[in-house]
Amino acid sequence: MGRTTTLARAAAASLAEVLVPAVGGHPWEGRTFTVGWGARDVLDVALVHPQLVVEVAVDVARDGAGRWRHPVRLHRPGFGLSPDAVPLFGA
């Protein structure tokens, strides 16, 4: 489960058709998100049920806490895959 950079309008519109709002118990409930490192402006986000698998583009640079140092970008939806079919990161 993760987040990406802000999506292009076309990508956001197509994904909005398949995303389902989270109903209680979301792992990120109560957290705040900003545009980037050191940013103070808090984003308005809608948490969704983690059911959609997507491919993302990342580089290998990570900080001391293991977080990606550069933005994670949506590459393409992985329609047809269930979350259970995807191996856990680092496993």
C-alpha atoms as a PDB file:
ATOM      1  CA  MET A   1       0.000   0.000   0.000  1.00  0.00           C
ATOM      2  CA  GLY A   2       1.409   3.376  -0.907  1.00  0.00           C
ATOM      3  CA  ARG A   3       0.916   6.735  -2.458  1.00  0.00           C
ATOM      4  CA  THR A   4       2.136   8.396  -5.633  1.00  0.00           C
ATOM      5  CA  THR A   5       2.628  11.890  -6.898  1.00  0.00           C
ATOM      6  CA  THR A   6      -0.470  13.813  -7.912  1.00  0.00           C
ATOM      7  CA  LEU A   7      -2.095  12.061 -10.844  1.00  0.00           C
ATOM      8  CA  ALA A   8      -2.706  13.595 -14.259  1.00  0.00           C
ATOM      9  CA  ARG A   9      -6.379  14.457 -14.753  1.00  0.00           C
ATOM     10  CA  ALA A  10      -6.991  11.631 -17.227  1.00  0.00           C
ATOM     11  CA  ALA A  11      -5.391   9.033 -14.934  1.00  0.00           C
ATOM     12  CA  ALA A  12      -7.265  10.359 -11.910  1.00  0.00           C
ATOM     13  CA  ALA A  13     -10.580  10.233 -13.771  1.00  0.00           C
ATOM     14  CA  SER A  14     -10.079   6.650 -14.965  1.00  0.00           C
ATOM     15  CA  LEU A  15      -8.994   5.414 -11.523  1.00  0.00           C
ATOM     16  CA  ALA A  16     -11.845   7.248  -9.783  1.00  0.00           C
ATOM     17  CA  GLU A  17     -14.231   4.895 -11.582  1.00  0.00           C
ATOM     18  CA  VAL A  18     -12.763   1.827  -9.849  1.00  0.00           C
ATOM     19  CA  LEU A  19     -11.644   3.120  -6.434  1.00  0.00           C
ATOM     20  CA  VAL A  20     -13.882   2.544  -3.424  1.00  0.00           C
ATOM     21  CA  PRO A  21     -13.823   4.874  -0.394  1.00  0.00           C
ATOM     22  CA  ALA A  22     -12.329   3.348   2.748  1.00  0.00           C
ATOM     23  CA  VAL A  23     -14.833   2.420   5.414  1.00  0.00           C
ATOM     24  CA  GLY A  24     -13.224   2.569   8.857  1.00  0.00           C
ATOM     25  CA  GLY A  25     -10.011   0.940   9.923  1.00  0.00           C
ATOM     26  CA  HIS A  26      -7.801   2.256   7.109  1.00  0.00           C
ATOM     27  CA  PRO A  27      -4.109   2.003   8.105  1.00  0.00           C
ATOM     28  CA  TRP A  28      -3.544   5.685   7.258  1.00  0.00           C
ATOM     29  CA  GLU A  29      -6.594   7.055   9.060  1.00  0.00           C
ATOM     30  CA  GLY A  30      -5.667  10.189  11.005  1.00  0.00           C
ATOM     31  CA  ARG A  31      -2.444  10.847   9.054  1.00  0.00           C
ATOM     32  CA  THR A  32      -1.756  13.991   7.101  1.00  0.00           C
ATOM     33  CA  PHE A  33       0.007  14.231   3.752  1.00  0.00           C
ATOM     34  CA  THR A  34       1.980  17.035   2.148  1.00  0.00           C
ATOM     35  CA  VAL A  35       3.071  17.740  -1.401  1.00  0.00           C
ATOM     36  CA  GLY A  36       6.685  16.835  -0.689  1.00  0.00           C
ATOM     37  CA  TRP A  37       9.607  16.796   1.720  1.00  0.00           C
ATOM     38  CA  GLY A  38       9.529  19.795   4.048  1.00  0.00           C
ATOM     39  CA  ALA A  39       6.272  21.143   2.614  1.00  0.00           C
ATOM     40  CA  ARG A  40       3.895  22.650   5.136  1.00  0.00           C
ATOM     41  CA  ASP A  41       0.696  22.677   3.096  1.00  0.00           C
ATOM     42  CA  VAL A  42      -1.447  19.672   3.977  1.00  0.00           C
ATOM     43  CA  LEU A  43      -3.205  17.910   1.103  1.00  0.00           C
ATOM     44  CA  ASP A  44      -6.904  17.093   1.127  1.00  0.00           C
ATOM     45  CA  VAL A  45      -6.968  13.316   0.539  1.00  0.00           C
ATOM     46  CA  ALA A  46      -9.615  10.640   0.239  1.00  0.00           C
ATOM     47  CA  LEU A  47      -8.522   7.286   1.640  1.00  0.00           C
ATOM     48  CA  VAL A  48      -9.643   4.325  -0.451  1.00  0.00           C
ATOM     49  CA  HIS A  49     -10.045   0.616   0.142  1.00  0.00           C
ATOM     50  CA  PRO A  50      -6.690  -0.957  -0.822  1.00  0.00           C
ATOM     51  CA  GLN A  51      -7.997  -3.254  -3.539  1.00  0.00           C
ATOM     52  CA  LEU A  52      -6.474  -1.884  -6.742  1.00  0.00           C
ATOM     53  CA  VAL A  53      -3.044  -3.064  -7.877  1.00  0.00           C
ATOM     54  CA  VAL A  54      -0.997  -0.634  -9.956  1.00  0.00           C
ATOM     55  CA  GLU A  55       2.535  -0.559 -11.297  1.00  0.00           C
ATOM     56  CA  VAL A  56       4.648   2.350 -10.118  1.00  0.00           C
ATOM     57  CA  ALA A  57       7.926   3.832 -11.281  1.00  0.00           C
ATOM     58  CA  VAL A  58      10.526   4.466  -8.586  1.00  0.00           C
ATOM     59  CA  ASP A  59      14.263   4.814  -8.424  1.00  0.00           C
ATOM     60  CA  VAL A  60      16.372   2.945  -5.919  1.00  0.00           C
ATOM     61  CA  ALA A  61      17.402   5.879  -3.707  1.00  0.00           C
ATOM     62  CA  ARG A  62      16.073   5.559  -0.153  1.00  0.00           C
ATOM     63  CA  ASP A  63      16.636   7.600   2.981  1.00  0.00           C
ATOM     64  CA  GLY A  64      17.842   6.309   6.360  1.00  0.00           C
ATOM     65  CA  ALA A  65      14.272   5.372   7.343  1.00  0.00           C
ATOM     66  CA  GLY A  66      13.796   3.304   4.180  1.00  0.00           C
ATOM     67  CA  ARG A  67      11.481   5.794   2.442  1.00  0.00           C
ATOM     68  CA  TRP A  68      11.838   6.535  -1.265  1.00  0.00           C
ATOM     69  CA  ARG A  69      13.892   9.716  -1.698  1.00  0.00           C
ATOM     70  CA  HIS A  70      12.199  10.638  -4.991  1.00  0.00           C
ATOM     71  CA  PRO A  71       8.506  10.699  -5.913  1.00  0.00           C
ATOM     72  CA  VAL A  72       6.764   7.445  -6.735  1.00  0.00           C
ATOM     73  CA  ARG A  73       4.870   7.820 -10.012  1.00  0.00           C
ATOM     74  CA  LEU A  74       1.927   5.852 -11.330  1.00  0.00           C
ATOM     75  CA  HIS A  75       3.027   3.781 -14.327  1.00  0.00           C
ATOM     76  CA  ARG A  76      -0.154   1.874 -15.174  1.00  0.00           C
ATOM     77  CA  PRO A  77      -3.022   0.035 -13.519  1.00  0.00           C
ATOM     78  CA  GLY A  78      -2.441  -3.657 -12.941  1.00  0.00           C
ATOM     79  CA  PHE A  79      -6.019  -4.641 -13.629  1.00  0.00           C
ATOM     80  CA  GLY A  80      -6.599  -8.331 -13.299  1.00  0.00           C
ATOM     81  CA  LEU A  81      -4.286  -8.698 -10.296  1.00  0.00           C
ATOM     82  CA  SER A  82      -5.609  -8.993  -6.773  1.00  0.00           C
ATOM     83  CA  PRO A  83      -3.660  -7.561  -3.815  1.00  0.00           C
ATOM     84  CA  ASP A  84      -3.150 -11.149  -2.582  1.00  0.00           C
ATOM     85  CA  ALA A  85      -1.321 -12.002  -5.840  1.00  0.00           C
ATOM     86  CA  VAL A  86       1.348  -9.348  -5.250  1.00  0.00           C
ATOM     87  CA  PRO A  87       4.352 -10.274  -3.109  1.00  0.00           C
ATOM     88  CA  LEU A  88       5.021  -8.023  -0.120  1.00  0.00           C
ATOM     89  CA  PHE A  89       7.715  -5.417  -0.682  1.00  0.00           C
ATOM     90  CA  GLY A  90      11.070  -6.754   0.440  1.00  0.00           C
ATOM     91  CA  ALA A  91       9.786 -10.324   0.786  1.00  0.00           C
END
